[in-house]
């Protein structure tokens, strides 16, 4: 699990303290390290120079999996939560 048991936890990605949402801390490392390791299919169709396309594909899937970006101003802003299990 990339969020809780990897070397990336707390450096690239983190669970928020309440455990109901997660956020990307470093998008550069996300596209250069995490996506190729955990989601190579998102990177296969894109070149190294086009890391934004892999991130866009990842975010498209995040939304398809039922996650929503928290846009409300506050401590959770910019994080992602699942709309079914985290109704805040």
PDB file of N, CA and C in Angstrom:
ATOM      1  N   UNK A   1       0.844  -1.181   0.000  1.00  0.00           N
ATOM      2  CA  UNK A   1       0.000   0.000   0.000  1.00  0.00           C
ATOM      3  C   UNK A   1       0.888   1.243   0.000  1.00  0.00           C
ATOM      4  N   UNK A   2       0.798   2.025  -1.021  1.00  0.00           N
ATOM      5  CA  UNK A   2       1.679   3.176  -1.206  1.00  0.00           C
ATOM      6  C   UNK A   2       1.501   4.248  -0.132  1.00  0.00           C
ATOM      7  N   UNK A   3       0.334   4.321   0.469  1.00  0.00           N
ATOM      8  CA  UNK A   3       0.092   5.369   1.462  1.00  0.00           C
ATOM      9  C   UNK A   3       0.541   5.017   2.871  1.00  0.00           C
ATOM     10  N   UNK A   4       0.539   3.755   3.226  1.00  0.00           N
ATOM     11  CA  UNK A   4       0.823   3.446   4.624  1.00  0.00           C
ATOM     12  C   UNK A   4       2.093   2.651   4.874  1.00  0.00           C
ATOM     13  N   UNK A   5       2.581   1.933   3.895  1.00  0.00           N
ATOM     14  CA  UNK A   5       3.708   1.063   4.205  1.00  0.00           C
ATOM     15  C   UNK A   5       4.902   1.235   3.273  1.00  0.00           C
ATOM     16  N   UNK A   6       4.956   2.299   2.541  1.00  0.00           N
ATOM     17  CA  UNK A   6       6.068   2.461   1.613  1.00  0.00           C
ATOM     18  C   UNK A   6       7.023   3.553   2.084  1.00  0.00           C
ATOM     19  N   UNK A   7       8.148   3.608   1.424  1.00  0.00           N
ATOM     20  CA  UNK A   7       9.134   4.648   1.731  1.00  0.00           C
ATOM     21  C   UNK A   7       8.615   6.027   1.345  1.00  0.00           C
ATOM     22  N   UNK A   8       7.538   6.074   0.566  1.00  0.00           N
ATOM     23  CA  UNK A   8       6.978   7.346   0.109  1.00  0.00           C
ATOM     24  C   UNK A   8       6.030   7.971   1.125  1.00  0.00           C
ATOM     25  N   UNK A   9       5.587   7.170   2.083  1.00  0.00           N
ATOM     26  CA  UNK A   9       4.620   7.645   3.068  1.00  0.00           C
ATOM     27  C   UNK A   9       5.214   8.769   3.910  1.00  0.00           C
ATOM     28  N   UNK A  10       4.521   9.900   3.933  1.00  0.00           N
ATOM     29  CA  UNK A  10       4.972  11.049   4.708  1.00  0.00           C
ATOM     30  C   UNK A  10       5.980  11.925   3.986  1.00  0.00           C
ATOM     31  N   UNK A  11       6.497  11.442   2.865  1.00  0.00           N
ATOM     32  CA  UNK A  11       7.453  12.224   2.086  1.00  0.00           C
ATOM     33  C   UNK A  11       6.854  12.685   0.766  1.00  0.00           C
ATOM     34  N   UNK A  12       6.106  11.805   0.145  1.00  0.00           N
ATOM     35  CA  UNK A  12       5.474  12.107  -1.132  1.00  0.00           C
ATOM     36  C   UNK A  12       3.951  12.156  -0.967  1.00  0.00           C
ATOM     37  N   UNK A  13       3.434  11.216  -0.187  1.00  0.00           N
ATOM     38  CA  UNK A  13       1.996  11.113   0.087  1.00  0.00           C
ATOM     39  C   UNK A  13       1.785  10.993   1.583  1.00  0.00           C
ATOM     40  N   UNK A  14       0.609  11.393   2.043  1.00  0.00           N
ATOM     41  CA  UNK A  14       0.318  11.209   3.465  1.00  0.00           C
ATOM     42  C   UNK A  14      -1.171  11.040   3.695  1.00  0.00           C
ATOM     43  N   UNK A  15      -1.497  10.244   4.703  1.00  0.00           N
ATOM     44  CA  UNK A  15      -2.850  10.217   5.231  1.00  0.00           C
ATOM     45  C   UNK A  15      -2.983  11.427   6.145  1.00  0.00           C
ATOM     46  N   UNK A  16      -4.109  12.061   6.126  1.00  0.00           N
ATOM     47  CA  UNK A  16      -4.346  13.156   7.056  1.00  0.00           C
ATOM     48  C   UNK A  16      -4.602  12.561   8.436  1.00  0.00           C
ATOM     49  N   UNK A  17      -4.357  13.328   9.497  1.00  0.00           N
ATOM     50  CA  UNK A  17      -4.466  12.796  10.856  1.00  0.00           C
ATOM     51  C   UNK A  17      -5.792  12.107  11.180  1.00  0.00           C
ATOM     52  N   UNK A  18      -6.890  12.581  10.621  1.00  0.00           N
ATOM     53  CA  UNK A  18      -8.191  11.977  10.903  1.00  0.00           C
ATOM     54  C   UNK A  18      -8.396  10.666  10.133  1.00  0.00           C
ATOM     55  N   UNK A  19      -7.510  10.342   9.181  1.00  0.00           N
ATOM     56  CA  UNK A  19      -7.566   9.080   8.465  1.00  0.00           C
ATOM     57  C   UNK A  19      -8.641   8.969   7.404  1.00  0.00           C
ATOM     58  N   UNK A  20      -9.295  10.068   7.062  1.00  0.00           N
ATOM     59  CA  UNK A  20     -10.381  10.024   6.090  1.00  0.00           C
ATOM     60  C   UNK A  20     -10.011  10.602   4.736  1.00  0.00           C
ATOM     61  N   UNK A  21      -8.796  11.084   4.595  1.00  0.00           N
ATOM     62  CA  UNK A  21      -8.366  11.663   3.323  1.00  0.00           C
ATOM     63  C   UNK A  21      -6.846  11.559   3.225  1.00  0.00           C
ATOM     64  N   UNK A  22      -6.356  11.660   1.999  1.00  0.00           N
ATOM     65  CA  UNK A  22      -4.921  11.615   1.751  1.00  0.00           C
ATOM     66  C   UNK A  22      -4.562  12.755   0.817  1.00  0.00           C
ATOM     67  N   UNK A  23      -3.284  13.109   0.817  1.00  0.00           N
ATOM     68  CA  UNK A  23      -2.839  14.182  -0.078  1.00  0.00           C
ATOM     69  C   UNK A  23      -1.451  13.877  -0.614  1.00  0.00           C
ATOM     70  N   UNK A  24      -1.181  14.477  -1.758  1.00  0.00           N
ATOM     71  CA  UNK A  24       0.144  14.398  -2.363  1.00  0.00           C
ATOM     72  C   UNK A  24       0.935  15.582  -1.849  1.00  0.00           C
ATOM     73  N   UNK A  25       2.086  15.314  -1.263  1.00  0.00           N
ATOM     74  CA  UNK A  25       2.948  16.373  -0.739  1.00  0.00           C
ATOM     75  C   UNK A  25       3.903  16.893  -1.806  1.00  0.00           C
ATOM     76  N   UNK A  26       4.374  15.993  -2.667  1.00  0.00           N
ATOM     77  CA  UNK A  26       5.352  16.374  -3.697  1.00  0.00           C
ATOM     78  C   UNK A  26       4.938  15.765  -5.034  1.00  0.00           C
ATOM     79  N   UNK A  27       4.324  16.598  -5.876  1.00  0.00           N
ATOM     80  CA  UNK A  27       3.873  16.110  -7.174  1.00  0.00           C
ATOM     81  C   UNK A  27       5.042  15.720  -8.071  1.00  0.00           C
ATOM     82  N   UNK A  28       6.191  16.367  -7.917  1.00  0.00           N
ATOM     83  CA  UNK A  28       7.344  16.003  -8.742  1.00  0.00           C
ATOM     84  C   UNK A  28       7.785  14.576  -8.448  1.00  0.00           C
ATOM     85  N   UNK A  29       7.882  14.223  -7.174  1.00  0.00           N
ATOM     86  CA  UNK A  29       8.257  12.860  -6.800  1.00  0.00           C
ATOM     87  C   UNK A  29       7.142  11.871  -7.128  1.00  0.00           C
ATOM     88  N   UNK A  30       5.909  12.319  -7.040  1.00  0.00           N
ATOM     89  CA  UNK A  30       4.783  11.463  -7.400  1.00  0.00           C
ATOM     90  C   UNK A  30       4.913  11.017  -8.852  1.00  0.00           C
ATOM     91  N   UNK A  31       5.185  11.963  -9.737  1.00  0.00           N
ATOM     92  CA  UNK A  31       5.270  11.618 -11.160  1.00  0.00           C
ATOM     93  C   UNK A  31       6.570  10.908 -11.517  1.00  0.00           C
ATOM     94  N   UNK A  32       7.656  11.207 -10.813  1.00  0.00           N
ATOM     95  CA  UNK A  32       8.952  10.604 -11.151  1.00  0.00           C
ATOM     96  C   UNK A  32       9.194   9.250 -10.504  1.00  0.00           C
ATOM     97  N   UNK A  33       8.604   9.014  -9.341  1.00  0.00           N
ATOM     98  CA  UNK A  33       8.913   7.809  -8.574  1.00  0.00           C
ATOM     99  C   UNK A  33       7.703   6.917  -8.322  1.00  0.00           C
ATOM    100  N   UNK A  34       6.657   7.480  -7.737  1.00  0.00           N
ATOM    101  CA  UNK A  34       5.511   6.674  -7.311  1.00  0.00           C
ATOM    102  C   UNK A  34       4.727   6.130  -8.499  1.00  0.00           C
ATOM    103  N   UNK A  35       4.364   6.995  -9.427  1.00  0.00           N
ATOM    104  CA  UNK A  35       3.560   6.523 -10.556  1.00  0.00           C
ATOM    105  C   UNK A  35       4.260   5.426 -11.356  1.00  0.00           C
ATOM    106  N   UNK A  36       5.543   5.577 -11.713  1.00  0.00           N
ATOM    107  CA  UNK A  36       6.195   4.487 -12.448  1.00  0.00           C
ATOM    108  C   UNK A  36       6.287   3.182 -11.650  1.00  0.00           C
ATOM    109  N   UNK A  37       6.414   3.273 -10.330  1.00  0.00           N
ATOM    110  CA  UNK A  37       6.547   2.073  -9.506  1.00  0.00           C
ATOM    111  C   UNK A  37       5.214   1.379  -9.243  1.00  0.00           C
ATOM    112  N   UNK A  38       4.188   2.153  -8.931  1.00  0.00           N
ATOM    113  CA  UNK A  38       2.916   1.581  -8.517  1.00  0.00           C
ATOM    114  C   UNK A  38       1.849   1.595  -9.605  1.00  0.00           C
ATOM    115  N   UNK A  39       1.973   2.483 -10.571  1.00  0.00           N
ATOM    116  CA  UNK A  39       0.994   2.594 -11.648  1.00  0.00           C
ATOM    117  C   UNK A  39       1.708   2.722 -13.001  1.00  0.00           C
ATOM    118  N   UNK A  40       2.513   1.734 -13.365  1.00  0.00           N
ATOM    119  CA  UNK A  40       3.290   1.846 -14.606  1.00  0.00           C
ATOM    120  C   UNK A  40       2.418   2.004 -15.842  1.00  0.00           C
ATOM    121  N   UNK A  41       1.188   1.492 -15.777  1.00  0.00           N
ATOM    122  CA  UNK A  41       0.295   1.614 -16.931  1.00  0.00           C
ATOM    123  C   UNK A  41      -0.037   3.073 -17.238  1.00  0.00           C
ATOM    124  N   UNK A  42       0.042   3.940 -16.245  1.00  0.00           N
ATOM    125  CA  UNK A  42      -0.220   5.363 -16.479  1.00  0.00           C
ATOM    126  C   UNK A  42       0.958   6.037 -17.160  1.00  0.00           C
ATOM    127  N   UNK A  43       2.116   5.451 -17.035  1.00  0.00           N
ATOM    128  CA  UNK A  43       3.334   6.040 -17.582  1.00  0.00           C
ATOM    129  C   UNK A  43       3.721   5.425 -18.921  1.00  0.00           C
ATOM    130  N   UNK A  44       3.212   4.257 -19.231  1.00  0.00           N
ATOM    131  CA  UNK A  44       3.604   3.538 -20.447  1.00  0.00           C
ATOM    132  C   UNK A  44       3.277   4.322 -21.701  1.00  0.00           C
ATOM    133  N   UNK A  45       2.183   5.036 -21.686  1.00  0.00           N
ATOM    134  CA  UNK A  45       1.758   5.768 -22.876  1.00  0.00           C
ATOM    135  C   UNK A  45       2.315   7.186 -22.919  1.00  0.00           C
ATOM    136  N   UNK A  46       3.063   7.578 -21.924  1.00  0.00           N
ATOM    137  CA  UNK A  46       3.613   8.933 -21.881  1.00  0.00           C
ATOM    138  C   UNK A  46       5.127   8.873 -21.862  1.00  0.00           C
ATOM    139  N   UNK A  47       5.746   9.918 -22.348  1.00  0.00           N
ATOM    140  CA  UNK A  47       7.207   9.988 -22.335  1.00  0.00           C
ATOM    141  C   UNK A  47       7.672  10.597 -21.018  1.00  0.00           C
ATOM    142  N   UNK A  48       8.940  10.441 -20.714  1.00  0.00           N
ATOM    143  CA  UNK A  48       9.498  11.026 -19.483  1.00  0.00           C
ATOM    144  C   UNK A  48       9.301  12.543 -19.471  1.00  0.00           C
ATOM    145  N   UNK A  49       9.358  13.157 -20.631  1.00  0.00           N
ATOM    146  CA  UNK A  49       9.218  14.614 -20.716  1.00  0.00           C
ATOM    147  C   UNK A  49       7.778  15.051 -20.457  1.00  0.00           C
ATOM    148  N   UNK A  50       6.835  14.131 -20.559  1.00  0.00           N
ATOM    149  CA  UNK A  50       5.430  14.475 -20.406  1.00  0.00           C
ATOM    150  C   UNK A  50       4.852  13.871 -19.128  1.00  0.00           C
ATOM    151  N   UNK A  51       5.501  14.151 -18.002  1.00  0.00           N
ATOM    152  CA  UNK A  51       5.060  13.619 -16.710  1.00  0.00           C
ATOM    153  C   UNK A  51       3.669  14.128 -16.346  1.00  0.00           C
ATOM    154  N   UNK A  52       3.295  15.307 -16.825  1.00  0.00           N
ATOM    155  CA  UNK A  52       1.970  15.847 -16.527  1.00  0.00           C
ATOM    156  C   UNK A  52       0.868  14.940 -17.056  1.00  0.00           C
ATOM    157  N   UNK A  53       1.104  14.296 -18.192  1.00  0.00           N
ATOM    158  CA  UNK A  53       0.091  13.396 -18.759  1.00  0.00           C
ATOM    159  C   UNK A  53      -0.135  12.206 -17.838  1.00  0.00           C
ATOM    160  N   UNK A  54       0.916  11.667 -17.235  1.00  0.00           N
ATOM    161  CA  UNK A  54       0.781  10.544 -16.300  1.00  0.00           C
ATOM    162  C   UNK A  54       0.020  10.982 -15.055  1.00  0.00           C
ATOM    163  N   UNK A  55       0.293  12.179 -14.555  1.00  0.00           N
ATOM    164  CA  UNK A  55      -0.421  12.705 -13.393  1.00  0.00           C
ATOM    165  C   UNK A  55      -1.892  12.913 -13.744  1.00  0.00           C
ATOM    166  N   UNK A  56      -2.154  13.459 -14.925  1.00  0.00           N
ATOM    167  CA  UNK A  56      -3.543  13.652 -15.351  1.00  0.00           C
ATOM    168  C   UNK A  56      -4.281  12.321 -15.438  1.00  0.00           C
ATOM    169  N   UNK A  57      -3.608  11.299 -15.960  1.00  0.00           N
ATOM    170  CA  UNK A  57      -4.223   9.977 -16.057  1.00  0.00           C
ATOM    171  C   UNK A  57      -4.486   9.406 -14.663  1.00  0.00           C
ATOM    172  N   UNK A  58      -3.536   9.590 -13.750  1.00  0.00           N
ATOM    173  CA  UNK A  58      -3.718   9.137 -12.368  1.00  0.00           C
ATOM    174  C   UNK A  58      -4.920   9.837 -11.734  1.00  0.00           C
ATOM    175  N   UNK A  59      -5.000  11.149 -11.879  1.00  0.00           N
ATOM    176  CA  UNK A  59      -6.112  11.899 -11.290  1.00  0.00           C
ATOM    177  C   UNK A  59      -7.447  11.515 -11.911  1.00  0.00           C
ATOM    178  N   UNK A  60      -7.458  11.201 -13.196  1.00  0.00           N
ATOM    179  CA  UNK A  60      -8.678  10.734 -13.833  1.00  0.00           C
ATOM    180  C   UNK A  60      -9.138   9.436 -13.155  1.00  0.00           C
ATOM    181  N   UNK A  61      -8.195   8.529 -12.919  1.00  0.00           N
ATOM    182  CA  UNK A  61      -8.524   7.264 -12.254  1.00  0.00           C
ATOM    183  C   UNK A  61      -8.937   7.482 -10.799  1.00  0.00           C
ATOM    184  N   UNK A  62      -8.280   8.379 -10.114  1.00  0.00           N
ATOM    185  CA  UNK A  62      -8.642   8.684  -8.725  1.00  0.00           C
ATOM    186  C   UNK A  62     -10.118   9.076  -8.669  1.00  0.00           C
ATOM    187  N   UNK A  63     -10.542   9.924  -9.588  1.00  0.00           N
ATOM    188  CA  UNK A  63     -11.951  10.337  -9.627  1.00  0.00           C
ATOM    189  C   UNK A  63     -12.856   9.170 -10.013  1.00  0.00           C
ATOM    190  N   UNK A  64     -12.409   8.345 -10.969  1.00  0.00           N
ATOM    191  CA  UNK A  64     -13.200   7.181 -11.381  1.00  0.00           C
ATOM    192  C   UNK A  64     -13.352   6.174 -10.243  1.00  0.00           C
ATOM    193  N   UNK A  65     -12.361   6.093  -9.366  1.00  0.00           N
ATOM    194  CA  UNK A  65     -12.410   5.188  -8.215  1.00  0.00           C
ATOM    195  C   UNK A  65     -13.288   5.742  -7.090  1.00  0.00           C
ATOM    196  N   UNK A  66     -13.839   6.932  -7.278  1.00  0.00           N
ATOM    197  CA  UNK A  66     -14.774   7.482  -6.302  1.00  0.00           C
ATOM    198  C   UNK A  66     -14.186   8.502  -5.342  1.00  0.00           C
ATOM    199  N   UNK A  67     -12.964   8.938  -5.596  1.00  0.00           N
ATOM    200  CA  UNK A  67     -12.358   9.953  -4.733  1.00  0.00           C
ATOM    201  C   UNK A  67     -12.694  11.340  -5.261  1.00  0.00           C
ATOM    202  N   UNK A  68     -12.819  12.275  -4.332  1.00  0.00           N
ATOM    203  CA  UNK A  68     -13.086  13.671  -4.671  1.00  0.00           C
ATOM    204  C   UNK A  68     -12.002  14.541  -4.052  1.00  0.00           C
ATOM    205  N   UNK A  69     -11.613  15.574  -4.772  1.00  0.00           N
ATOM    206  CA  UNK A  69     -10.660  16.528  -4.198  1.00  0.00           C
ATOM    207  C   UNK A  69     -11.410  17.444  -3.251  1.00  0.00           C
ATOM    208  N   UNK A  70     -10.838  17.661  -2.085  1.00  0.00           N
ATOM    209  CA  UNK A  70     -11.424  18.581  -1.116  1.00  0.00           C
ATOM    210  C   UNK A  70     -11.050  19.993  -1.551  1.00  0.00           C
ATOM    211  N   UNK A  71     -12.039  20.786  -1.893  1.00  0.00           N
ATOM    212  CA  UNK A  71     -11.802  22.148  -2.378  1.00  0.00           C
ATOM    213  C   UNK A  71     -12.180  23.216  -1.352  1.00  0.00           C
ATOM    214  N   UNK A  72     -12.815  22.775  -0.271  1.00  0.00           N
ATOM    215  CA  UNK A  72     -13.221  23.711   0.775  1.00  0.00           C
ATOM    216  C   UNK A  72     -11.969  24.228   1.486  1.00  0.00           C
ATOM    217  N   UNK A  73     -11.886  25.532   1.663  1.00  0.00           N
ATOM    218  CA  UNK A  73     -10.742  26.134   2.341  1.00  0.00           C
ATOM    219  C   UNK A  73     -10.650  25.594   3.757  1.00  0.00           C
ATOM    220  N   UNK A  74      -9.458  25.130   4.113  1.00  0.00           N
ATOM    221  CA  UNK A  74      -9.228  24.571   5.436  1.00  0.00           C
ATOM    222  C   UNK A  74      -8.047  23.620   5.403  1.00  0.00           C
ATOM    223  N   UNK A  75      -7.847  22.910   6.497  1.00  0.00           N
ATOM    224  CA  UNK A  75      -6.686  22.026   6.629  1.00  0.00           C
ATOM    225  C   UNK A  75      -6.689  20.875   5.627  1.00  0.00           C
ATOM    226  N   UNK A  76      -7.860  20.460   5.161  1.00  0.00           N
ATOM    227  CA  UNK A  76      -7.956  19.327   4.229  1.00  0.00           C
ATOM    228  C   UNK A  76      -7.910  19.746   2.758  1.00  0.00           C
ATOM    229  N   UNK A  77      -7.893  21.027   2.483  1.00  0.00           N
ATOM    230  CA  UNK A  77      -7.920  21.509   1.110  1.00  0.00           C
ATOM    231  C   UNK A  77      -6.794  20.879   0.300  1.00  0.00           C
ATOM    232  N   UNK A  78      -7.146  20.382  -0.884  1.00  0.00           N
ATOM    233  CA  UNK A  78      -6.159  19.762  -1.767  1.00  0.00           C
ATOM    234  C   UNK A  78      -5.969  18.276  -1.525  1.00  0.00           C
ATOM    235  N   UNK A  79      -6.642  17.740  -0.528  1.00  0.00           N
ATOM    236  CA  UNK A  79      -6.546  16.302  -0.262  1.00  0.00           C
ATOM    237  C   UNK A  79      -7.646  15.587  -1.054  1.00  0.00           C
ATOM    238  N   UNK A  80      -7.621  14.264  -0.989  1.00  0.00           N
ATOM    239  CA  UNK A  80      -8.613  13.447  -1.684  1.00  0.00           C
ATOM    240  C   UNK A  80      -9.292  12.534  -0.676  1.00  0.00           C
ATOM    241  N   UNK A  81     -10.601  12.435  -0.778  1.00  0.00           N
ATOM    242  CA  UNK A  81     -11.372  11.580   0.115  1.00  0.00           C
ATOM    243  C   UNK A  81     -12.349  10.776  -0.748  1.00  0.00           C
ATOM    244  N   UNK A  82     -12.747   9.626  -0.235  1.00  0.00           N
ATOM    245  CA  UNK A  82     -13.701   8.807  -0.964  1.00  0.00           C
ATOM    246  C   UNK A  82     -15.095   9.284  -0.617  1.00  0.00           C
ATOM    247  N   UNK A  83     -15.909   9.512  -1.624  1.00  0.00           N
ATOM    248  CA  UNK A  83     -17.229  10.097  -1.383  1.00  0.00           C
ATOM    249  C   UNK A  83     -18.185   9.185  -0.645  1.00  0.00           C
ATOM    250  N   UNK A  84     -17.932   7.878  -0.630  1.00  0.00           N
ATOM    251  CA  UNK A  84     -18.819   6.952   0.068  1.00  0.00           C
ATOM    252  C   UNK A  84     -18.432   6.824   1.549  1.00  0.00           C
ATOM    253  N   UNK A  85     -17.153   6.655   1.815  1.00  0.00           N
ATOM    254  CA  UNK A  85     -16.745   6.371   3.197  1.00  0.00           C
ATOM    255  C   UNK A  85     -16.399   7.599   4.014  1.00  0.00           C
ATOM    256  N   UNK A  86     -16.303   8.751   3.406  1.00  0.00           N
ATOM    257  CA  UNK A  86     -15.895   9.964   4.126  1.00  0.00           C
ATOM    258  C   UNK A  86     -16.838  11.107   3.822  1.00  0.00           C
ATOM    259  N   UNK A  87     -18.020  11.109   4.382  1.00  0.00           N
ATOM    260  CA  UNK A  87     -19.016  12.121   4.039  1.00  0.00           C
ATOM    261  C   UNK A  87     -18.861  13.451   4.783  1.00  0.00           C
ATOM    262  N   UNK A  88     -17.652  14.028   4.845  1.00  0.00           N
ATOM    263  CA  UNK A  88     -17.522  15.328   5.512  1.00  0.00           C
ATOM    264  C   UNK A  88     -17.332  16.423   4.508  1.00  0.00           C
TER     265      UNK A  88
END
